[in-house]
Amino acid sequence: MDQLVYLNGRLVEKSQALISPDDRGFNFADGIYEVIKYYRGIPFRYADHLERLKRSLREIRLDFDGCDQLEDVFRELVERNDLGGGEAGIYLQITRGSHPRIHQFPAHCIPTVYAYAFPFAANKDQQLKGISVITTEDIRWLRCDIKSVALLANVLAFQKAVDKGAGEAIFIRNGIVKEASHSSVMWVRNGAVCTHPGSNHVLPGITERVIMDICRQAEIPFVEEEITEADLKAADEVFIAGTGSEVTPVVNIDGTLIGDGLAGKLTRIVQGRFFDMVNGLGQK
């Protein structure tokens, strides 16, 4: 049977999920999205994802009152697509809906809500050995804190990384490290785990928040600070964090080795505690 997806209140086979070419997500990228990780059928940090989803909707003034009913939909998508036994993801996209093309918000427009489940295992080899990354100029818009479907700049940056055989692209804006194309950037200096402060230039990371909790529990200093590209390359350790990448060490930036070129001590501690956390989901 074809994959089952959710579209506007119904579960349908993916081949039957039809969206109008007048949809504002198609014409204007007028919409937001969210990705949630499931481990053995259990969502990880669901409340945090829901909070970020609602915030993104508010920021683009998109009225959708069905957020609190989505968890049952997601659970059914995971189960009906036989993904409850391992690592799975839910992709959700909400656009302002379908309307003949005009730039202003249409007076009457019903949101388009689309979701699907997919296998979503992290790259264990990268998590063990670490990855090389590149840096690139941050050409994105000024509201990166909104999880917008307008991701062309991210796509171009990640393709640049792929072309160079790297695993991620880190955005640099006015000499300052921001985040990567689809993950948060974190580093270790003077015994502290650090990341960029919250701002309109970075997306509030769910995994970043988890790592903040891990550091507090492990009594590891956690610092929000700005860092230059040069200082990042001189950091004791660097890693990326995200729903897909979880905690992945960075061992090389633009050809410069980080530390001794291996995953660092604090990175391994954070990574190990993260794995313990997700492996313990559902256990009493």
Foldseek 3Di string as FASTA:
>chain_A
DAQWKDKDHDTDHPVPDDADCQFCCNVPLAKFKFKWKAALLHTDPVVVRLVLRVVLCVVSVADDDCSVVCVVVVSCQCVVRVNNGGMKMKMKMKGSAGDHDDDDRDPDHDIIIIMHMDHFAADVVQQAFNWEEEEDEDPDDQQQQRRTPPQPSLVVQCVVQVVVVTDWYWYAYPQWTAQISAWFKWADAPQAIEGADDDSRHHPAPLVVVLVVVCVVVVGHYYHDIDGPVVRLATQWMWTDHNRNHTGTHQHYPRRGRHVSGHDDVSVSSSVVSVVVSVCPPPD
